[in-house]
Amino acid sequence: MTNNLEFKQSGHLNPALSDPATKTLGADKLTGRWVNTNRETQGIAECTIEKDGELFKVSVVGVGTDGPIYWPATKTKALANLEEEAGQRASALAPAFDFGFMTAETYIRVNKGVLVIVVFNSFRDDSGRSNYVNREFFYRRD
């Protein structure tokens, strides 16, 4: 079986990708303290996002049986979010968290004033647990 791949030249890309302002467009909408809309969540309780020069510092508090679980803070660059919903275009973030036994790749963006976090959890400890994905919604709580 042969696969033919067609690669685009930079001139074929969405022009917004060549505009340096695109990657930080609406980035201020991401910053702040965000609390899960679901008080019964078993995943992420809250998320704090701070601008740190060119980067964003992301801190997450998870839910644990014995109390809050403070994830290791991480820094990440902004991504250009070209998807427009109702004319809203904003930046997105893709921080990764390493717990040793597990990695959590997250994708974060604001949609109509709600912070959306999608988490892809992958276990690396040979425990036999299934990797999984979860999506949660947060409201601003500054």
N, C-alpha and C. Protein backbone atom coordinates (compact mmCIF):
# COMPACT_ATOMS: atom_id res chain seq x y z
N MET A 1 0.84 -1.16 0.00
CA MET A 1 0.00 0.00 0.00
C MET A 1 0.90 1.24 0.00
N THR A 2 0.58 2.18 -0.87
CA THR A 2 1.35 3.41 -0.98
C THR A 2 0.48 4.58 -0.53
N ASN A 3 1.06 5.43 0.29
CA ASN A 3 0.36 6.65 0.72
C ASN A 3 1.00 7.84 0.05
N ASN A 4 0.22 8.68 -0.52
CA ASN A 4 0.71 9.93 -1.08
C ASN A 4 0.38 11.05 -0.12
N LEU A 5 1.40 11.77 0.26
CA LEU A 5 1.19 12.90 1.16
C LEU A 5 1.40 14.19 0.39
N GLU A 6 0.53 15.13 0.62
CA GLU A 6 0.68 16.44 0.01
C GLU A 6 1.01 17.43 1.11
N PHE A 7 2.15 18.09 0.96
CA PHE A 7 2.57 19.07 1.95
C PHE A 7 2.25 20.46 1.43
N LYS A 8 1.77 21.27 2.32
CA LYS A 8 1.45 22.64 1.93
C LYS A 8 2.68 23.52 2.11
N GLN A 9 2.78 24.50 1.28
CA GLN A 9 3.80 25.52 1.44
C GLN A 9 3.26 26.56 2.40
N SER A 10 4.16 27.33 2.97
CA SER A 10 3.71 28.32 3.95
C SER A 10 2.69 29.28 3.34
N GLY A 11 2.75 29.50 2.04
CA GLY A 11 1.78 30.38 1.38
C GLY A 11 0.37 29.81 1.35
N HIS A 12 0.25 28.49 1.57
CA HIS A 12 -1.06 27.84 1.57
C HIS A 12 -1.70 27.82 2.96
N LEU A 13 -0.94 28.17 3.98
CA LEU A 13 -1.46 28.15 5.34
C LEU A 13 -2.40 29.32 5.60
N ASN A 14 -3.23 29.15 6.59
CA ASN A 14 -4.08 30.26 7.01
C ASN A 14 -3.19 31.46 7.31
N PRO A 15 -3.43 32.63 6.72
CA PRO A 15 -2.57 33.80 6.91
C PRO A 15 -2.41 34.19 8.38
N ALA A 16 -3.37 33.84 9.20
CA ALA A 16 -3.27 34.18 10.62
C ALA A 16 -2.09 33.48 11.29
N LEU A 17 -1.67 32.31 10.76
CA LEU A 17 -0.55 31.59 11.35
C LEU A 17 0.78 32.31 11.16
N SER A 18 0.85 33.18 10.18
CA SER A 18 2.07 33.95 9.93
C SER A 18 2.09 35.25 10.71
N ASP A 19 1.01 35.59 11.34
CA ASP A 19 0.89 36.84 12.09
C ASP A 19 1.27 36.57 13.54
N PRO A 20 2.39 37.17 14.03
CA PRO A 20 2.83 36.92 15.41
C PRO A 20 1.76 37.28 16.45
N ALA A 21 0.88 38.20 16.14
CA ALA A 21 -0.15 38.61 17.10
C ALA A 21 -1.19 37.52 17.31
N THR A 22 -1.33 36.61 16.34
CA THR A 22 -2.37 35.57 16.43
C THR A 22 -2.16 34.67 17.63
N LYS A 23 -0.91 34.32 17.96
CA LYS A 23 -0.69 33.36 19.04
C LYS A 23 -1.01 33.92 20.41
N THR A 24 -1.06 35.23 20.56
CA THR A 24 -1.41 35.79 21.86
C THR A 24 -2.74 36.55 21.82
N LEU A 25 -3.46 36.41 20.73
CA LEU A 25 -4.75 37.07 20.58
C LEU A 25 -5.72 36.57 21.64
N GLY A 26 -6.22 37.46 22.45
CA GLY A 26 -7.18 37.09 23.49
C GLY A 26 -6.56 36.33 24.65
N ALA A 27 -5.22 36.36 24.77
CA ALA A 27 -4.56 35.60 25.84
C ALA A 27 -4.98 36.07 27.22
N ASP A 28 -5.35 37.33 27.35
CA ASP A 28 -5.79 37.84 28.65
C ASP A 28 -7.06 37.14 29.13
N LYS A 29 -7.82 36.56 28.21
CA LYS A 29 -9.03 35.83 28.60
C LYS A 29 -8.70 34.54 29.34
N LEU A 30 -7.48 34.04 29.17
CA LEU A 30 -7.07 32.78 29.81
C LEU A 30 -6.64 32.97 31.26
N THR A 31 -6.07 34.12 31.57
CA THR A 31 -5.46 34.30 32.88
C THR A 31 -6.50 34.44 33.98
N GLY A 32 -6.10 33.97 35.17
CA GLY A 32 -6.95 34.08 36.34
C GLY A 32 -7.11 32.75 37.04
N ARG A 33 -7.95 32.76 38.06
CA ARG A 33 -8.25 31.54 38.80
C ARG A 33 -9.59 31.02 38.30
N TRP A 34 -9.64 29.74 37.95
CA TRP A 34 -10.83 29.12 37.38
C TRP A 34 -11.25 27.95 38.26
N VAL A 35 -12.56 27.84 38.53
CA VAL A 35 -13.10 26.79 39.39
C VAL A 35 -14.05 25.92 38.57
N ASN A 36 -14.01 24.62 38.81
CA ASN A 36 -14.84 23.67 38.07
C ASN A 36 -16.32 23.98 38.27
N THR A 37 -17.08 23.91 37.19
CA THR A 37 -18.53 24.14 37.29
C THR A 37 -19.24 22.97 37.95
N ASN A 38 -18.60 21.81 37.99
CA ASN A 38 -19.19 20.62 38.59
C ASN A 38 -18.58 20.42 39.99
N ARG A 39 -19.34 20.71 41.01
CA ARG A 39 -18.83 20.57 42.38
C ARG A 39 -18.55 19.13 42.76
N GLU A 40 -19.10 18.18 42.01
CA GLU A 40 -18.91 16.75 42.29
C GLU A 40 -17.79 16.13 41.44
N THR A 41 -16.99 16.96 40.79
CA THR A 41 -15.95 16.43 39.92
C THR A 41 -15.01 15.50 40.68
N GLN A 42 -14.51 14.52 39.99
CA GLN A 42 -13.48 13.63 40.53
C GLN A 42 -12.14 13.91 39.84
N GLY A 43 -12.10 14.99 39.05
CA GLY A 43 -10.89 15.32 38.28
C GLY A 43 -10.22 16.58 38.78
N ILE A 44 -10.35 17.65 38.03
CA ILE A 44 -9.71 18.92 38.34
C ILE A 44 -10.68 19.82 39.09
N ALA A 45 -10.26 20.32 40.24
CA ALA A 45 -11.10 21.22 41.03
C ALA A 45 -10.94 22.67 40.58
N GLU A 46 -9.69 23.07 40.34
CA GLU A 46 -9.45 24.44 39.89
C GLU A 46 -8.15 24.55 39.13
N CYS A 47 -8.03 25.65 38.42
CA CYS A 47 -6.86 25.91 37.58
C CYS A 47 -6.54 27.40 37.66
N THR A 48 -5.26 27.72 37.83
CA THR A 48 -4.82 29.11 37.84
C THR A 48 -3.83 29.30 36.69
N ILE A 49 -4.07 30.33 35.90
CA ILE A 49 -3.22 30.62 34.75
C ILE A 49 -2.68 32.04 34.91
N GLU A 50 -1.35 32.17 34.83
CA GLU A 50 -0.69 33.46 34.97
C GLU A 50 0.21 33.69 33.76
N LYS A 51 0.27 34.92 33.31
CA LYS A 51 1.19 35.29 32.22
C LYS A 51 2.55 35.50 32.84
N ASP A 52 3.59 34.91 32.26
CA ASP A 52 4.96 35.02 32.76
C ASP A 52 5.87 35.33 31.57
N GLY A 53 5.92 36.61 31.22
CA GLY A 53 6.68 37.02 30.04
C GLY A 53 6.02 36.47 28.78
N GLU A 54 6.78 35.70 27.99
CA GLU A 54 6.26 35.08 26.78
C GLU A 54 5.49 33.80 27.07
N LEU A 55 5.62 33.30 28.29
CA LEU A 55 5.01 32.02 28.65
C LEU A 55 3.81 32.21 29.56
N PHE A 56 3.09 31.10 29.78
CA PHE A 56 2.00 31.06 30.74
C PHE A 56 2.33 30.01 31.78
N LYS A 57 2.13 30.34 33.05
CA LYS A 57 2.32 29.38 34.14
C LYS A 57 0.94 28.81 34.47
N VAL A 58 0.82 27.49 34.47
CA VAL A 58 -0.45 26.82 34.72
C VAL A 58 -0.31 25.98 35.99
N SER A 59 -1.19 26.24 36.96
CA SER A 59 -1.23 25.49 38.21
C SER A 59 -2.60 24.84 38.31
N VAL A 60 -2.62 23.55 38.67
CA VAL A 60 -3.87 22.80 38.73
C VAL A 60 -4.00 22.15 40.10
N VAL A 61 -5.22 22.14 40.63
CA VAL A 61 -5.53 21.43 41.86
C VAL A 61 -6.54 20.34 41.50
N GLY A 62 -6.14 19.10 41.74
CA GLY A 62 -7.01 17.97 41.47
C GLY A 62 -7.77 17.56 42.72
N VAL A 63 -8.71 16.65 42.54
CA VAL A 63 -9.52 16.12 43.63
C VAL A 63 -8.94 14.77 44.05
N GLY A 64 -8.71 14.60 45.34
CA GLY A 64 -8.19 13.34 45.86
C GLY A 64 -9.06 12.84 47.00
N THR A 65 -8.96 11.57 47.31
CA THR A 65 -9.78 11.00 48.38
C THR A 65 -9.41 11.58 49.75
N ASP A 66 -8.14 12.00 49.89
CA ASP A 66 -7.69 12.56 51.17
C ASP A 66 -7.54 14.07 51.14
N GLY A 67 -8.06 14.72 50.11
CA GLY A 67 -7.96 16.18 50.00
C GLY A 67 -7.41 16.59 48.65
N PRO A 68 -7.10 17.88 48.50
CA PRO A 68 -6.64 18.39 47.21
C PRO A 68 -5.29 17.78 46.80
N ILE A 69 -5.12 17.64 45.50
CA ILE A 69 -3.86 17.17 44.93
C ILE A 69 -3.31 18.33 44.09
N TYR A 70 -2.17 18.85 44.51
CA TYR A 70 -1.55 19.96 43.81
C TYR A 70 -0.62 19.42 42.73
N TRP A 71 -1.00 19.64 41.49
CA TRP A 71 -0.20 19.18 40.37
C TRP A 71 1.07 20.03 40.30
N PRO A 72 2.15 19.48 39.73
CA PRO A 72 3.36 20.29 39.56
C PRO A 72 3.07 21.41 38.55
N ALA A 73 3.34 22.65 38.95
CA ALA A 73 3.09 23.78 38.04
C ALA A 73 3.98 23.63 36.81
N THR A 74 3.48 24.10 35.69
CA THR A 74 4.25 24.00 34.45
C THR A 74 4.08 25.29 33.65
N LYS A 75 5.02 25.53 32.76
CA LYS A 75 4.96 26.69 31.88
C LYS A 75 4.78 26.22 30.45
N THR A 76 4.08 27.02 29.67
CA THR A 76 3.81 26.65 28.28
C THR A 76 3.65 27.91 27.43
N LYS A 77 3.85 27.76 26.14
CA LYS A 77 3.62 28.85 25.19
C LYS A 77 2.16 28.84 24.75
N ALA A 78 1.72 29.98 24.29
CA ALA A 78 0.36 30.08 23.75
C ALA A 78 0.31 29.48 22.35
N LEU A 79 -0.83 28.91 22.02
CA LEU A 79 -1.10 28.41 20.68
C LEU A 79 -2.11 29.32 20.01
N ALA A 80 -1.98 29.47 18.72
CA ALA A 80 -2.98 30.22 17.97
C ALA A 80 -4.21 29.33 17.83
N ASN A 81 -5.35 29.79 18.28
CA ASN A 81 -6.60 29.05 18.16
C ASN A 81 -7.35 29.66 16.99
N LEU A 82 -7.31 29.00 15.85
CA LEU A 82 -7.92 29.56 14.65
C LEU A 82 -9.39 29.26 14.53
N GLU A 83 -9.88 28.39 15.39
CA GLU A 83 -11.31 28.07 15.36
C GLU A 83 -12.08 29.28 15.87
N GLU A 84 -13.01 29.71 15.10
CA GLU A 84 -13.82 30.86 15.51
C GLU A 84 -15.22 30.39 15.82
N GLU A 85 -15.68 30.73 17.00
CA GLU A 85 -17.05 30.43 17.40
C GLU A 85 -17.74 31.75 17.71
N ALA A 86 -18.74 32.06 16.96
CA ALA A 86 -19.47 33.32 17.12
C ALA A 86 -18.52 34.51 17.04
N GLY A 87 -17.52 34.41 16.16
CA GLY A 87 -16.59 35.51 15.96
C GLY A 87 -15.55 35.65 17.06
N GLN A 88 -15.51 34.70 17.99
CA GLN A 88 -14.52 34.76 19.07
C GLN A 88 -13.27 34.00 18.65
N ARG A 89 -12.15 34.65 18.66
CA ARG A 89 -10.88 33.97 18.41
C ARG A 89 -9.97 34.29 19.58
N ALA A 90 -9.40 33.29 20.19
CA ALA A 90 -8.54 33.49 21.34
C ALA A 90 -7.39 32.50 21.32
N SER A 91 -6.43 32.72 22.19
CA SER A 91 -5.31 31.80 22.32
C SER A 91 -5.74 30.55 23.06
N ALA A 92 -4.93 29.53 22.92
CA ALA A 92 -5.13 28.28 23.64
C ALA A 92 -3.80 27.87 24.25
N LEU A 93 -3.84 26.94 25.19
CA LEU A 93 -2.62 26.44 25.84
C LEU A 93 -2.61 24.92 25.77
N ALA A 94 -1.41 24.34 25.78
CA ALA A 94 -1.28 22.88 25.76
C ALA A 94 -0.20 22.44 26.75
N PRO A 95 -0.39 22.70 28.04
CA PRO A 95 0.62 22.29 29.02
C PRO A 95 0.57 20.79 29.28
N ALA A 96 1.73 20.21 29.55
CA ALA A 96 1.83 18.80 29.91
C ALA A 96 2.33 18.70 31.35
N PHE A 97 1.75 17.78 32.10
CA PHE A 97 2.12 17.58 33.50
C PHE A 97 2.68 16.16 33.64
N ASP A 98 3.83 16.04 34.29
CA ASP A 98 4.48 14.75 34.47
C ASP A 98 4.44 14.36 35.94
N PHE A 99 3.75 13.26 36.23
CA PHE A 99 3.63 12.77 37.60
C PHE A 99 4.56 11.58 37.86
N GLY A 100 5.38 11.23 36.89
CA GLY A 100 6.22 10.05 37.01
C GLY A 100 5.47 8.81 36.55
N PHE A 101 4.46 8.40 37.29
CA PHE A 101 3.67 7.23 36.95
C PHE A 101 2.67 7.50 35.83
N MET A 102 2.42 8.80 35.56
CA MET A 102 1.39 9.19 34.61
C MET A 102 1.73 10.55 34.02
N THR A 103 1.33 10.76 32.78
CA THR A 103 1.40 12.09 32.20
C THR A 103 -0.02 12.57 31.92
N ALA A 104 -0.21 13.87 32.06
CA ALA A 104 -1.49 14.49 31.75
C ALA A 104 -1.24 15.59 30.73
N GLU A 105 -1.63 15.33 29.49
CA GLU A 105 -1.53 16.35 28.44
C GLU A 105 -2.85 17.10 28.45
N THR A 106 -2.78 18.41 28.61
CA THR A 106 -4.00 19.19 28.69
C THR A 106 -4.08 20.17 27.52
N TYR A 107 -5.29 20.46 27.13
CA TYR A 107 -5.57 21.46 26.11
C TYR A 107 -6.60 22.40 26.70
N ILE A 108 -6.25 23.68 26.73
CA ILE A 108 -7.03 24.68 27.46
C ILE A 108 -7.38 25.83 26.53
N ARG A 109 -8.66 26.22 26.55
CA ARG A 109 -9.08 27.41 25.81
C ARG A 109 -10.36 27.95 26.44
N VAL A 110 -10.66 29.19 26.10
CA VAL A 110 -11.89 29.81 26.58
C VAL A 110 -12.89 29.79 25.44
N ASN A 111 -14.12 29.37 25.77
CA ASN A 111 -15.21 29.35 24.80
C ASN A 111 -16.40 30.05 25.43
N LYS A 112 -16.72 31.22 24.90
CA LYS A 112 -17.87 32.00 25.37
C LYS A 112 -17.81 32.25 26.87
N GLY A 113 -16.60 32.58 27.36
CA GLY A 113 -16.41 32.93 28.77
C GLY A 113 -16.19 31.76 29.70
N VAL A 114 -16.26 30.53 29.18
CA VAL A 114 -16.04 29.34 29.99
C VAL A 114 -14.69 28.74 29.62
N LEU A 115 -13.87 28.42 30.63
CA LEU A 115 -12.60 27.76 30.37
C LEU A 115 -12.88 26.27 30.18
N VAL A 116 -12.37 25.72 29.09
CA VAL A 116 -12.55 24.30 28.79
C VAL A 116 -11.18 23.65 28.87
N ILE A 117 -11.10 22.58 29.67
CA ILE A 117 -9.85 21.82 29.78
C ILE A 117 -10.14 20.38 29.35
N VAL A 118 -9.39 19.93 28.37
CA VAL A 118 -9.44 18.54 27.94
C VAL A 118 -8.14 17.91 28.40
N VAL A 119 -8.25 16.79 29.13
CA VAL A 119 -7.07 16.12 29.70
C VAL A 119 -6.96 14.71 29.13
N PHE A 120 -5.78 14.40 28.58
CA PHE A 120 -5.46 13.05 28.11
C PHE A 120 -4.49 12.45 29.12
N ASN A 121 -4.95 11.50 29.92
CA ASN A 121 -4.12 10.86 30.94
C ASN A 121 -3.56 9.55 30.42
N SER A 122 -2.23 9.40 30.50
CA SER A 122 -1.55 8.20 30.04
C SER A 122 -0.72 7.63 31.19
N PHE A 123 -0.99 6.38 31.54
CA PHE A 123 -0.26 5.73 32.62
C PHE A 123 1.02 5.09 32.08
N ARG A 124 2.12 5.29 32.82
CA ARG A 124 3.43 4.78 32.40
C ARG A 124 4.00 3.78 33.40
N ASP A 125 3.20 3.33 34.34
CA ASP A 125 3.72 2.51 35.44
C ASP A 125 3.42 1.02 35.30
N ASP A 126 2.98 0.59 34.13
CA ASP A 126 2.66 -0.83 33.90
C ASP A 126 1.62 -1.36 34.89
N SER A 127 0.73 -0.49 35.35
CA SER A 127 -0.30 -0.90 36.31
C SER A 127 -1.50 -1.57 35.65
N GLY A 128 -1.57 -1.46 34.33
CA GLY A 128 -2.69 -2.06 33.63
C GLY A 128 -3.92 -1.15 33.57
N ARG A 129 -3.82 0.04 34.18
CA ARG A 129 -4.95 0.97 34.13
C ARG A 129 -5.11 1.50 32.72
N SER A 130 -6.34 1.78 32.35
CA SER A 130 -6.63 2.32 31.02
C SER A 130 -6.31 3.80 30.96
N ASN A 131 -5.67 4.22 29.89
CA ASN A 131 -5.50 5.64 29.62
C ASN A 131 -6.89 6.21 29.35
N TYR A 132 -7.10 7.49 29.63
CA TYR A 132 -8.42 8.06 29.42
C TYR A 132 -8.36 9.55 29.12
N VAL A 133 -9.45 10.04 28.58
CA VAL A 133 -9.59 11.46 28.29
C VAL A 133 -10.79 11.99 29.07
N ASN A 134 -10.69 13.24 29.49
CA ASN A 134 -11.77 13.87 30.25
C ASN A 134 -11.86 15.34 29.84
N ARG A 135 -13.06 15.88 29.80
CA ARG A 135 -13.26 17.30 29.49
C ARG A 135 -14.07 17.92 30.61
N GLU A 136 -13.58 19.07 31.10
CA GLU A 136 -14.27 19.75 32.20
C GLU A 136 -14.37 21.24 31.89
N PHE A 137 -15.31 21.90 32.58
CA PHE A 137 -15.63 23.29 32.33
C PHE A 137 -15.45 24.10 33.61
N PHE A 138 -14.95 25.34 33.48
CA PHE A 138 -14.59 26.15 34.62
C PHE A 138 -15.11 27.57 34.46
N TYR A 139 -15.43 28.20 35.60
CA TYR A 139 -15.82 29.61 35.60
C TYR A 139 -14.75 30.41 36.34
N ARG A 140 -14.64 31.69 35.97
CA ARG A 140 -13.62 32.56 36.55
C ARG A 140 -13.95 32.86 38.00
N ARG A 141 -12.96 32.78 38.85
CA ARG A 141 -13.13 33.06 40.27
C ARG A 141 -11.91 33.82 40.77
N ASP A 142 -11.77 35.10 40.36
CA ASP A 142 -10.60 35.90 40.74
C ASP A 142 -10.72 36.45 42.14
